Amino acid sequence: MGNKASHHGLSTRQGSKQPDSGRVRMPIAPAMKSRVEHCVERLCLKGCKAVWEDIAVLETGEALPETRQLSAEENRAVLRELKTIMSVYDKSGSCSTD
């Protein structure tokens, strides 16, 4: 699909290389993928620092206001996608790619 949300330099472009976590991932159903992509794009519009904070919340297993309507599986997919997008930044939570 190649959707892109470029506010604050965040991209949701599909096809980016993801680090291999050693887990087998089930394919995402098209309807679920669309819901996940839409949610990720909305979260990215909040900006870099907010996305780091949202990742921390999602890592605890809690839902965000933007993800409450999603299933647990969809919440995990949102978390994976946000981590992939933010992988261009260092692990310190920085919003700079330098």
C-alpha atoms as a PDB file:
ATOM      1  CA  MET A   1       0.000   0.000   0.000  1.00  0.00           C
ATOM      2  CA  GLY A   2       2.856   2.424   0.814  1.00  0.00           C
ATOM      3  CA  ASN A   3       0.899   4.916   2.909  1.00  0.00           C
ATOM      4  CA  LYS A   4       3.061   7.604   4.388  1.00  0.00           C
ATOM      5  CA  ALA A   5       2.540   9.996   7.267  1.00  0.00           C
ATOM      6  CA  SER A   6       5.449  12.374   7.206  1.00  0.00           C
ATOM      7  CA  HIS A   7       4.499  14.770   9.998  1.00  0.00           C
ATOM      8  CA  HIS A   8       7.575  15.298  12.188  1.00  0.00           C
ATOM      9  CA  GLY A   9       9.613  13.033   9.921  1.00  0.00           C
ATOM     10  CA  LEU A  10       7.759   9.837  10.855  1.00  0.00           C
ATOM     11  CA  SER A  11       6.967   7.421   8.065  1.00  0.00           C
ATOM     12  CA  THR A  12       4.560   4.533   7.916  1.00  0.00           C
ATOM     13  CA  ARG A  13       5.882   3.352   4.567  1.00  0.00           C
ATOM     14  CA  GLN A  14       5.390  -0.382   4.240  1.00  0.00           C
ATOM     15  CA  GLY A  15       8.137  -2.741   3.143  1.00  0.00           C
ATOM     16  CA  SER A  16      10.789  -1.419   5.497  1.00  0.00           C
ATOM     17  CA  LYS A  17      13.170  -3.993   6.869  1.00  0.00           C
ATOM     18  CA  GLN A  18      12.289  -5.093  10.368  1.00  0.00           C
ATOM     19  CA  PRO A  19      14.739  -6.699  12.753  1.00  0.00           C
ATOM     20  CA  ASP A  20      14.130 -10.414  13.074  1.00  0.00           C
ATOM     21  CA  SER A  21      12.751 -11.025  16.562  1.00  0.00           C
ATOM     22  CA  GLY A  22      12.832 -14.785  16.104  1.00  0.00           C
ATOM     23  CA  ARG A  23       9.035 -14.991  16.283  1.00  0.00           C
ATOM     24  CA  VAL A  24       6.844 -16.343  13.568  1.00  0.00           C
ATOM     25  CA  ARG A  25       4.350 -13.672  12.602  1.00  0.00           C
ATOM     26  CA  MET A  26       0.913 -14.478  11.353  1.00  0.00           C
ATOM     27  CA  PRO A  27      -0.149 -12.507   8.293  1.00  0.00           C
ATOM     28  CA  ILE A  28      -2.474  -9.626   9.086  1.00  0.00           C
ATOM     29  CA  ALA A  29      -5.940  -9.833   7.525  1.00  0.00           C
ATOM     30  CA  PRO A  30      -6.635  -6.941   5.094  1.00  0.00           C
ATOM     31  CA  ALA A  31      -9.373  -5.364   7.242  1.00  0.00           C
ATOM     32  CA  MET A  32      -7.182  -5.577  10.356  1.00  0.00           C
ATOM     33  CA  LYS A  33      -4.192  -4.186   8.443  1.00  0.00           C
ATOM     34  CA  SER A  34      -6.226  -1.191   7.390  1.00  0.00           C
ATOM     35  CA  ARG A  35      -7.344  -0.538  10.985  1.00  0.00           C
ATOM     36  CA  VAL A  36      -3.758  -0.906  12.226  1.00  0.00           C
ATOM     37  CA  GLU A  37      -2.334   1.353   9.513  1.00  0.00           C
ATOM     38  CA  HIS A  38      -4.979   3.989  10.194  1.00  0.00           C
ATOM     39  CA  CYS A  39      -4.208   3.926  13.912  1.00  0.00           C
ATOM     40  CA  VAL A  40      -0.437   4.106  13.334  1.00  0.00           C
ATOM     41  CA  GLU A  41      -0.878   7.095  11.048  1.00  0.00           C
ATOM     42  CA  ARG A  42      -3.017   8.880  13.661  1.00  0.00           C
ATOM     43  CA  LEU A  43      -0.440   8.184  16.382  1.00  0.00           C
ATOM     44  CA  CYS A  44       2.429   9.422  14.197  1.00  0.00           C
ATOM     45  CA  LEU A  45       0.637  12.717  13.673  1.00  0.00           C
ATOM     46  CA  LYS A  46       1.098  13.349  17.416  1.00  0.00           C
ATOM     47  CA  GLY A  47       4.843  13.725  16.862  1.00  0.00           C
ATOM     48  CA  CYS A  48       8.040  11.919  17.742  1.00  0.00           C
ATOM     49  CA  LYS A  49       8.113  12.398  21.508  1.00  0.00           C
ATOM     50  CA  ALA A  50       4.466  11.375  21.854  1.00  0.00           C
ATOM     51  CA  VAL A  51       5.112   8.225  19.805  1.00  0.00           C
ATOM     52  CA  TRP A  52       7.948   7.205  22.181  1.00  0.00           C
ATOM     53  CA  GLU A  53       5.529   7.694  25.102  1.00  0.00           C
ATOM     54  CA  ASP A  54       2.823   5.696  23.297  1.00  0.00           C
ATOM     55  CA  ILE A  55       5.279   2.854  22.654  1.00  0.00           C
ATOM     56  CA  ALA A  56       6.070   2.731  26.380  1.00  0.00           C
ATOM     57  CA  VAL A  57       2.353   2.499  27.231  1.00  0.00           C
ATOM     58  CA  LEU A  58       1.693  -0.199  24.629  1.00  0.00           C
ATOM     59  CA  GLU A  59       4.695  -2.203  25.891  1.00  0.00           C
ATOM     60  CA  THR A  60       2.978  -2.489  29.284  1.00  0.00           C
ATOM     61  CA  GLY A  61      -0.027  -4.104  27.596  1.00  0.00           C
ATOM     62  CA  GLU A  62      -2.223  -1.070  28.146  1.00  0.00           C
ATOM     63  CA  ALA A  63      -4.301   0.412  25.342  1.00  0.00           C
ATOM     64  CA  LEU A  64      -4.132   4.019  24.219  1.00  0.00           C
ATOM     65  CA  PRO A  65      -7.251   6.115  23.599  1.00  0.00           C
ATOM     66  CA  GLU A  66      -6.505   5.672  19.882  1.00  0.00           C
ATOM     67  CA  THR A  67      -6.223   1.870  20.205  1.00  0.00           C
ATOM     68  CA  ARG A  68      -9.077   1.044  22.598  1.00  0.00           C
ATOM     69  CA  GLN A  69     -11.304  -0.072  19.711  1.00  0.00           C
ATOM     70  CA  LEU A  70      -8.620  -2.509  18.481  1.00  0.00           C
ATOM     71  CA  SER A  71      -8.177  -6.134  19.511  1.00  0.00           C
ATOM     72  CA  ALA A  72      -5.180  -7.255  21.558  1.00  0.00           C
ATOM     73  CA  GLU A  73      -3.631  -8.645  18.359  1.00  0.00           C
ATOM     74  CA  GLU A  74      -4.163  -5.332  16.567  1.00  0.00           C
ATOM     75  CA  ASN A  75      -2.623  -3.451  19.525  1.00  0.00           C
ATOM     76  CA  ARG A  76       0.461  -5.675  19.235  1.00  0.00           C
ATOM     77  CA  ALA A  77       0.587  -4.962  15.487  1.00  0.00           C
ATOM     78  CA  VAL A  78       0.412  -1.205  16.173  1.00  0.00           C
ATOM     79  CA  LEU A  79       3.266  -1.544  18.673  1.00  0.00           C
ATOM     80  CA  ARG A  80       5.407  -3.508  16.187  1.00  0.00           C
ATOM     81  CA  GLU A  81       4.791  -0.953  13.448  1.00  0.00           C
ATOM     82  CA  LEU A  82       5.581   2.008  15.717  1.00  0.00           C
ATOM     83  CA  LYS A  83       8.819   0.338  16.830  1.00  0.00           C
ATOM     84  CA  THR A  84       9.774  -0.255  13.209  1.00  0.00           C
ATOM     85  CA  ILE A  85       9.078   3.357  12.303  1.00  0.00           C
ATOM     86  CA  MET A  86      11.016   4.654  15.300  1.00  0.00           C
ATOM     87  CA  SER A  87      13.987   2.355  14.634  1.00  0.00           C
ATOM     88  CA  VAL A  88      15.536   5.169  12.586  1.00  0.00           C
ATOM     89  CA  TYR A  89      16.112   6.960  15.887  1.00  0.00           C
ATOM     90  CA  ASP A  90      18.502   5.754  18.537  1.00  0.00           C
ATOM     91  CA  LYS A  91      17.208   3.745  21.480  1.00  0.00           C
ATOM     92  CA  SER A  92      17.483   6.709  23.857  1.00  0.00           C
ATOM     93  CA  GLY A  93      14.139   8.058  22.743  1.00  0.00           C
ATOM     94  CA  SER A  94      15.783  10.770  20.693  1.00  0.00           C
ATOM     95  CA  CYS A  95      13.857  12.454  17.888  1.00  0.00           C
ATOM     96  CA  SER A  96      16.983  13.231  15.912  1.00  0.00           C
ATOM     97  CA  THR A  97      18.403  10.956  13.212  1.00  0.00           C
ATOM     98  CA  ASP A  98      21.905  12.441  13.626  1.00  0.00           C
END
